[in-house]
Amino acid sequence: MATKRRRRRTTKIKVVEVKLKREHAMGQAWAGEGLVEIDPRQKAKVYCNTLIHELLHVVFPDLSEHKVRVTAGQFTKALWDAGYRRISK
């Protein structure tokens, strides 16, 4: 008997670079809209961590802030140790 595979719904996530000085934030996630705003004036490793952090908020909106911080830090360290870096556009 063939097993049916469940197809996961994929949500498109849009990442927009915005100077967020007034919000006193490095990034913001709008989970319902699939939108991440990130301040481009961050150093490469901090930018990576912020991007992962906000993406986690969009993909897992019920995850606690503590879990998001810890997971983002683990992902950032793994990517950084593997040699991934932000390149200029």
N, C-alpha and C. Protein backbone atom coordinates (compact mmCIF):
# COMPACT_ATOMS: atom_id res chain seq x y z
N MET A 1 0.84 -1.17 0.00
CA MET A 1 0.00 0.00 0.00
C MET A 1 0.90 1.25 0.00
N ALA A 2 0.61 2.13 -0.89
CA ALA A 2 1.41 3.36 -1.01
C ALA A 2 1.10 4.31 0.13
N THR A 3 2.15 4.92 0.63
CA THR A 3 1.98 5.90 1.71
C THR A 3 1.84 7.28 1.09
N LYS A 4 0.82 7.99 1.52
CA LYS A 4 0.63 9.36 1.04
C LYS A 4 1.58 10.28 1.77
N ARG A 5 2.24 11.11 1.02
CA ARG A 5 3.12 12.11 1.64
C ARG A 5 2.34 13.36 1.88
N ARG A 6 2.49 13.88 3.05
CA ARG A 6 1.85 15.15 3.36
C ARG A 6 2.66 16.28 2.77
N ARG A 7 2.00 17.15 2.09
CA ARG A 7 2.70 18.30 1.51
C ARG A 7 2.63 19.46 2.48
N ARG A 8 3.79 19.97 2.83
CA ARG A 8 3.85 21.10 3.76
C ARG A 8 3.54 22.39 3.05
N ARG A 9 2.74 23.19 3.67
CA ARG A 9 2.48 24.52 3.11
C ARG A 9 3.71 25.36 3.31
N THR A 10 4.13 26.00 2.27
CA THR A 10 5.29 26.88 2.40
C THR A 10 4.81 28.32 2.38
N THR A 11 5.31 29.07 3.32
CA THR A 11 4.98 30.47 3.40
C THR A 11 6.17 31.25 2.88
N LYS A 12 5.90 32.13 1.94
CA LYS A 12 6.98 32.97 1.45
C LYS A 12 7.31 34.00 2.51
N ILE A 13 8.59 34.21 2.71
CA ILE A 13 9.04 35.19 3.69
C ILE A 13 9.82 36.26 2.94
N LYS A 14 9.42 37.49 3.15
CA LYS A 14 10.10 38.61 2.51
C LYS A 14 10.98 39.29 3.56
N VAL A 15 12.25 39.51 3.20
CA VAL A 15 13.20 40.19 4.09
C VAL A 15 13.50 41.55 3.49
N VAL A 16 13.26 42.60 4.29
CA VAL A 16 13.46 43.97 3.84
C VAL A 16 14.44 44.65 4.78
N GLU A 17 15.43 45.33 4.20
CA GLU A 17 16.38 46.08 5.02
C GLU A 17 15.83 47.48 5.25
N VAL A 18 15.70 47.84 6.53
CA VAL A 18 15.14 49.13 6.94
C VAL A 18 15.94 49.63 8.13
N LYS A 19 16.26 50.91 8.15
CA LYS A 19 16.93 51.48 9.32
C LYS A 19 15.90 51.58 10.44
N LEU A 20 16.14 50.86 11.52
CA LEU A 20 15.16 50.73 12.60
C LEU A 20 15.55 51.51 13.85
N LYS A 21 16.25 52.61 13.68
CA LYS A 21 16.74 53.37 14.83
C LYS A 21 15.61 53.79 15.77
N ARG A 22 14.52 54.27 15.24
CA ARG A 22 13.42 54.75 16.10
C ARG A 22 12.78 53.63 16.90
N GLU A 23 12.79 52.42 16.35
CA GLU A 23 12.18 51.28 17.03
C GLU A 23 13.12 50.68 18.08
N HIS A 24 14.38 51.16 18.13
CA HIS A 24 15.39 50.62 19.05
C HIS A 24 15.48 49.11 18.91
N ALA A 25 15.49 48.64 17.66
CA ALA A 25 15.56 47.21 17.37
C ALA A 25 16.54 46.96 16.23
N MET A 26 17.07 45.76 16.19
CA MET A 26 17.94 45.37 15.09
C MET A 26 17.14 44.65 14.01
N GLY A 27 15.98 44.14 14.41
CA GLY A 27 15.11 43.46 13.47
C GLY A 27 13.70 43.35 14.02
N GLN A 28 12.76 43.14 13.12
CA GLN A 28 11.36 42.96 13.51
C GLN A 28 10.76 41.88 12.63
N ALA A 29 9.89 41.07 13.22
CA ALA A 29 9.21 40.02 12.47
C ALA A 29 7.71 40.25 12.51
N TRP A 30 7.09 40.12 11.38
CA TRP A 30 5.63 40.22 11.26
C TRP A 30 5.17 38.84 10.79
N ALA A 31 4.98 37.93 11.75
CA ALA A 31 4.71 36.52 11.44
C ALA A 31 3.49 36.34 10.55
N GLY A 32 2.42 37.03 10.83
CA GLY A 32 1.19 36.89 10.05
C GLY A 32 1.34 37.32 8.60
N GLU A 33 2.27 38.22 8.36
CA GLU A 33 2.49 38.74 7.02
C GLU A 33 3.68 38.09 6.32
N GLY A 34 4.44 37.29 7.05
CA GLY A 34 5.63 36.67 6.48
C GLY A 34 6.68 37.71 6.11
N LEU A 35 6.82 38.72 6.97
CA LEU A 35 7.72 39.83 6.70
C LEU A 35 8.75 39.96 7.81
N VAL A 36 10.00 40.16 7.40
CA VAL A 36 11.09 40.43 8.34
C VAL A 36 11.73 41.75 7.92
N GLU A 37 11.86 42.65 8.88
CA GLU A 37 12.58 43.90 8.66
C GLU A 37 13.87 43.80 9.46
N ILE A 38 14.98 44.16 8.82
CA ILE A 38 16.28 44.05 9.47
C ILE A 38 17.11 45.29 9.18
N ASP A 39 17.75 45.80 10.21
CA ASP A 39 18.58 46.99 10.07
C ASP A 39 19.91 46.59 9.41
N PRO A 40 20.24 47.17 8.26
CA PRO A 40 21.45 46.77 7.53
C PRO A 40 22.75 47.28 8.15
N ARG A 41 22.67 48.13 9.17
CA ARG A 41 23.87 48.75 9.75
C ARG A 41 24.51 47.90 10.84
N GLN A 42 24.39 46.59 10.75
CA GLN A 42 24.96 45.69 11.74
C GLN A 42 26.20 45.01 11.16
N LYS A 43 27.09 44.63 12.05
CA LYS A 43 28.25 43.84 11.62
C LYS A 43 27.74 42.51 11.09
N ALA A 44 28.55 41.86 10.26
CA ALA A 44 28.12 40.65 9.56
C ALA A 44 27.58 39.54 10.47
N LYS A 45 28.29 39.23 11.54
CA LYS A 45 27.85 38.14 12.41
C LYS A 45 26.58 38.50 13.17
N VAL A 46 26.47 39.73 13.61
CA VAL A 46 25.27 40.20 14.32
C VAL A 46 24.08 40.21 13.35
N TYR A 47 24.32 40.64 12.12
CA TYR A 47 23.28 40.64 11.08
C TYR A 47 22.76 39.22 10.87
N CYS A 48 23.68 38.26 10.78
CA CYS A 48 23.31 36.86 10.59
C CYS A 48 22.43 36.37 11.74
N ASN A 49 22.86 36.68 12.97
CA ASN A 49 22.10 36.27 14.14
C ASN A 49 20.72 36.93 14.16
N THR A 50 20.66 38.20 13.84
CA THR A 50 19.37 38.92 13.83
C THR A 50 18.44 38.34 12.77
N LEU A 51 18.98 38.06 11.59
CA LEU A 51 18.16 37.51 10.52
C LEU A 51 17.59 36.15 10.92
N ILE A 52 18.43 35.28 11.45
CA ILE A 52 17.96 33.97 11.90
C ILE A 52 16.92 34.13 13.01
N HIS A 53 17.19 35.01 13.95
CA HIS A 53 16.28 35.27 15.07
C HIS A 53 14.89 35.65 14.55
N GLU A 54 14.84 36.61 13.63
CA GLU A 54 13.55 37.08 13.12
C GLU A 54 12.86 36.02 12.26
N LEU A 55 13.64 35.26 11.50
CA LEU A 55 13.07 34.18 10.70
C LEU A 55 12.43 33.12 11.60
N LEU A 56 13.07 32.82 12.72
CA LEU A 56 12.49 31.87 13.68
C LEU A 56 11.16 32.38 14.21
N HIS A 57 11.05 33.68 14.46
CA HIS A 57 9.77 34.24 14.91
C HIS A 57 8.67 34.04 13.87
N VAL A 58 9.02 34.18 12.59
CA VAL A 58 8.03 34.02 11.53
C VAL A 58 7.63 32.55 11.38
N VAL A 59 8.61 31.67 11.37
CA VAL A 59 8.34 30.25 11.13
C VAL A 59 7.72 29.57 12.35
N PHE A 60 8.17 29.95 13.53
CA PHE A 60 7.67 29.37 14.78
C PHE A 60 7.16 30.47 15.70
N PRO A 61 6.00 31.06 15.40
CA PRO A 61 5.52 32.21 16.18
C PRO A 61 5.22 31.91 17.65
N ASP A 62 5.02 30.65 18.00
CA ASP A 62 4.71 30.31 19.39
C ASP A 62 5.94 30.01 20.23
N LEU A 63 7.11 30.02 19.61
CA LEU A 63 8.35 29.75 20.33
C LEU A 63 8.65 30.90 21.29
N SER A 64 9.09 30.59 22.50
CA SER A 64 9.40 31.63 23.47
C SER A 64 10.60 32.44 23.01
N GLU A 65 10.70 33.66 23.50
CA GLU A 65 11.82 34.54 23.15
C GLU A 65 13.15 33.90 23.56
N HIS A 66 13.16 33.25 24.70
CA HIS A 66 14.38 32.59 25.16
C HIS A 66 14.81 31.50 24.17
N LYS A 67 13.88 30.67 23.76
CA LYS A 67 14.20 29.59 22.81
C LYS A 67 14.67 30.17 21.48
N VAL A 68 14.03 31.26 21.04
CA VAL A 68 14.43 31.90 19.78
C VAL A 68 15.86 32.40 19.90
N ARG A 69 16.18 33.07 21.00
CA ARG A 69 17.54 33.59 21.20
C ARG A 69 18.58 32.47 21.20
N VAL A 70 18.30 31.42 21.95
CA VAL A 70 19.25 30.31 22.06
C VAL A 70 19.43 29.64 20.69
N THR A 71 18.33 29.34 20.02
CA THR A 71 18.40 28.66 18.72
C THR A 71 19.10 29.52 17.68
N ALA A 72 18.79 30.81 17.65
CA ALA A 72 19.45 31.71 16.70
C ALA A 72 20.95 31.73 16.95
N GLY A 73 21.33 31.76 18.21
CA GLY A 73 22.76 31.74 18.55
C GLY A 73 23.44 30.46 18.10
N GLN A 74 22.77 29.33 18.27
CA GLN A 74 23.33 28.05 17.85
C GLN A 74 23.47 27.99 16.33
N PHE A 75 22.44 28.43 15.61
CA PHE A 75 22.49 28.43 14.14
C PHE A 75 23.59 29.36 13.64
N THR A 76 23.67 30.55 14.24
CA THR A 76 24.69 31.52 13.83
C THR A 76 26.08 30.95 14.03
N LYS A 77 26.32 30.35 15.19
CA LYS A 77 27.64 29.77 15.47
C LYS A 77 27.97 28.68 14.47
N ALA A 78 27.01 27.81 14.18
CA ALA A 78 27.26 26.71 13.24
C ALA A 78 27.57 27.24 11.84
N LEU A 79 26.79 28.22 11.38
CA LEU A 79 27.03 28.80 10.06
C LEU A 79 28.37 29.53 10.01
N TRP A 80 28.65 30.30 11.07
CA TRP A 80 29.90 31.08 11.11
C TRP A 80 31.11 30.14 11.14
N ASP A 81 31.03 29.09 11.95
CA ASP A 81 32.12 28.12 12.03
C ASP A 81 32.34 27.38 10.71
N ALA A 82 31.25 27.26 9.93
CA ALA A 82 31.34 26.59 8.62
C ALA A 82 31.86 27.53 7.53
N GLY A 83 32.05 28.79 7.89
CA GLY A 83 32.64 29.74 6.95
C GLY A 83 31.66 30.62 6.21
N TYR A 84 30.39 30.55 6.56
CA TYR A 84 29.40 31.40 5.89
C TYR A 84 29.58 32.84 6.34
N ARG A 85 29.54 33.76 5.36
CA ARG A 85 29.69 35.18 5.64
C ARG A 85 28.75 35.97 4.75
N ARG A 86 28.44 37.17 5.20
CA ARG A 86 27.62 38.08 4.41
C ARG A 86 28.53 38.76 3.39
N ILE A 87 28.07 38.81 2.15
CA ILE A 87 28.86 39.48 1.13
C ILE A 87 28.15 40.76 0.72
N SER A 88 28.91 41.71 0.22
CA SER A 88 28.33 42.98 -0.22
C SER A 88 27.51 42.76 -1.48
N LYS A 89 26.44 43.53 -1.57
CA LYS A 89 25.58 43.43 -2.76
C LYS A 89 26.18 44.21 -3.90
